[in-house]
Amino acid sequence: MIIDGVRAMDRATELLLRYYTAFNRGDWENMLACLASDVKHDINQGQRETGRDAFRHFLERMQVSYREQLRDIVVMANADGSRAAAEFVVHGEYIATDAGLPPANGQRYVLPGGAFFEIADGQICRLTNYYNLDDWLRQVRA
């Protein structure tokens, strides 16, 4: 398939690929630019946070404890571009202890993950992330 930006599905796919490219570069500003100002973020096994500023704070918290790259990214979108999903493999390093989690000492982990998105007006207005926390805990405790 050639993504040419004409079809809504193509635009949604391009938006998510731009979002994940920015993530892998650590380019938080371009990542945040993909989000609606009132974005709803459902954190894996956590609470919902609302707003681009809350997401910025989430990224700042994550940057302290984790160094991650997403690989093998697959993006899917529905025909009207209003819903999309991504599957990926997280290659990470646990670099500083995150509150309530085991002590960090540079443990490396490889973890399948996924995310679901709602898109409106060319921006992500909801994202829900998922990974297997028990698998992650097993890897960092090993």
Protein backbone atom coordinates (compact mmCIF):
# COMPACT_ATOMS: atom_id res chain seq x y z
CA MET A 1 0.00 0.00 0.00
CA ILE A 2 1.24 3.47 -0.80
CA ILE A 3 0.43 5.99 1.88
CA ASP A 4 -0.32 9.18 0.02
CA GLY A 5 -2.33 11.05 2.63
CA VAL A 6 -5.48 11.05 0.51
CA ARG A 7 -7.40 8.38 2.39
CA ALA A 8 -8.33 8.89 6.04
CA MET A 9 -6.78 5.52 6.85
CA ASP A 10 -3.48 6.66 5.34
CA ARG A 11 -3.51 9.88 7.35
CA ALA A 12 -4.16 7.97 10.59
CA THR A 13 -1.36 5.53 9.81
CA GLU A 14 1.04 8.37 9.00
CA LEU A 15 0.11 10.15 12.26
CA LEU A 16 0.93 7.10 14.36
CA LEU A 17 4.16 6.42 12.49
CA ARG A 18 5.17 10.06 13.09
CA TYR A 19 4.27 9.67 16.79
CA TYR A 20 6.37 6.51 17.19
CA THR A 21 9.27 7.90 15.17
CA ALA A 22 9.34 10.88 17.54
CA PHE A 23 9.22 8.50 20.52
CA ASN A 24 12.20 6.51 19.28
CA ARG A 25 14.18 9.72 18.73
CA GLY A 26 13.27 11.03 22.19
CA ASP A 27 11.68 13.99 20.41
CA TRP A 28 8.99 14.79 22.96
CA GLU A 29 7.87 18.03 21.30
CA ASN A 30 7.05 16.36 17.98
CA MET A 31 5.43 13.48 19.85
CA LEU A 32 3.28 15.91 21.83
CA ALA A 33 2.38 17.75 18.61
CA CYS A 34 0.55 14.59 17.50
CA LEU A 35 -1.79 14.84 20.50
CA ALA A 36 -4.96 16.85 20.94
CA SER A 37 -4.73 19.37 23.78
CA ASP A 38 -7.33 17.37 25.75
CA VAL A 39 -5.90 13.92 24.93
CA LYS A 40 -7.03 11.08 27.18
CA HIS A 41 -4.19 8.73 28.12
CA ASP A 42 -5.04 5.37 29.67
CA ILE A 43 -1.83 4.22 31.34
CA ASN A 44 -1.17 0.48 31.41
CA GLN A 45 -2.71 -0.88 34.62
CA GLY A 46 -3.07 2.69 35.84
CA GLN A 47 -5.41 5.61 35.75
CA ARG A 48 -6.54 7.86 32.95
CA GLU A 49 -4.75 11.18 32.62
CA THR A 50 -6.18 14.01 30.54
CA GLY A 51 -4.41 16.75 28.62
CA ARG A 52 -1.20 17.30 26.71
CA ASP A 53 0.48 18.78 29.81
CA ALA A 54 -0.32 15.64 31.82
CA PHE A 55 1.18 13.57 29.00
CA ARG A 56 4.31 15.76 29.02
CA HIS A 57 4.68 15.06 32.77
CA PHE A 58 4.17 11.34 32.10
CA LEU A 59 7.00 11.42 29.53
CA GLU A 60 9.24 13.26 31.99
CA ARG A 61 8.56 10.61 34.67
CA MET A 62 9.23 7.80 32.21
CA GLN A 63 12.47 9.40 30.98
CA VAL A 64 13.89 9.31 34.52
CA SER A 65 13.46 5.54 34.97
CA TYR A 66 13.39 4.00 31.50
CA ARG A 67 15.34 4.09 28.27
CA GLU A 68 13.23 2.46 25.55
CA GLN A 69 13.08 1.89 21.82
CA LEU A 70 10.10 0.42 20.01
CA ARG A 71 10.81 -2.02 17.20
CA ASP A 72 8.78 -4.15 14.80
CA ILE A 73 6.01 -1.53 14.85
CA VAL A 74 2.83 -2.50 13.00
CA VAL A 75 0.07 0.11 12.63
CA MET A 76 -3.52 -0.59 11.63
CA ALA A 77 -6.36 1.89 11.09
CA ASN A 78 -10.02 1.68 10.23
CA ALA A 79 -11.32 3.04 6.93
CA ASP A 80 -12.44 6.43 8.24
CA GLY A 81 -9.22 6.96 10.22
CA SER A 82 -11.00 7.49 13.53
CA ARG A 83 -9.55 4.41 15.23
CA ALA A 84 -6.14 2.83 15.01
CA ALA A 85 -3.94 0.33 16.80
CA ALA A 86 -0.25 -0.41 16.99
CA GLU A 87 1.69 -3.48 18.01
CA PHE A 88 5.39 -3.33 18.80
CA VAL A 89 8.24 -4.81 20.80
CA VAL A 90 9.72 -2.66 23.56
CA HIS A 91 13.49 -2.96 23.98
CA GLY A 92 14.28 -1.22 27.22
CA GLU A 93 16.59 -0.58 30.10
CA TYR A 94 15.39 0.12 33.65
CA ILE A 95 17.79 2.87 34.73
CA ALA A 96 16.31 4.38 37.92
CA THR A 97 13.86 2.93 40.41
CA ASP A 98 10.24 3.84 39.65
CA ALA A 99 8.02 4.32 42.73
CA GLY A 100 6.41 1.08 43.87
CA LEU A 101 8.47 -1.10 41.54
CA PRO A 102 11.58 -3.23 42.09
CA PRO A 103 14.96 -1.51 42.40
CA ALA A 104 16.57 -0.52 39.10
CA ASN A 105 20.16 -1.38 38.23
CA GLY A 106 20.24 -1.23 34.46
CA GLN A 107 18.15 -4.34 33.84
CA ARG A 108 17.32 -4.87 30.17
CA TYR A 109 13.97 -6.16 28.99
CA VAL A 110 12.21 -7.08 25.76
CA LEU A 111 8.46 -6.89 25.96
CA PRO A 112 5.63 -7.06 23.43
CA GLY A 113 3.20 -4.18 23.72
CA GLY A 114 0.34 -2.49 22.00
CA ALA A 115 -1.74 0.64 21.94
CA PHE A 116 -5.19 1.69 20.83
CA PHE A 117 -5.97 5.15 19.52
CA GLU A 118 -8.89 7.42 18.81
CA ILE A 119 -8.15 10.11 16.23
CA ALA A 120 -10.04 13.30 15.42
CA ASP A 121 -9.10 16.36 13.38
CA GLY A 122 -5.69 14.89 12.55
CA GLN A 123 -4.64 14.42 16.18
CA ILE A 124 -4.63 11.61 18.71
CA CYS A 125 -7.42 12.30 21.18
CA ARG A 126 -7.22 9.04 23.14
CA LEU A 127 -4.49 6.44 23.60
CA THR A 128 -4.52 3.29 25.66
CA ASN A 129 -1.23 1.47 26.18
CA TYR A 130 -0.87 -2.18 27.08
CA TYR A 131 1.98 -4.46 28.03
CA ASN A 132 2.20 -7.47 30.34
CA LEU A 133 3.35 -6.07 33.69
CA ASP A 134 3.98 -9.55 35.12
CA ASP A 135 6.34 -10.32 32.21
CA TRP A 136 8.19 -7.03 32.77
CA LEU A 137 8.49 -7.71 36.52
CA ARG A 138 9.82 -11.21 35.84
CA GLN A 139 12.47 -9.78 33.53
CA VAL A 140 13.65 -6.99 35.86
CA ARG A 141 13.72 -9.31 38.89
CA ALA A 142 15.76 -11.98 37.10
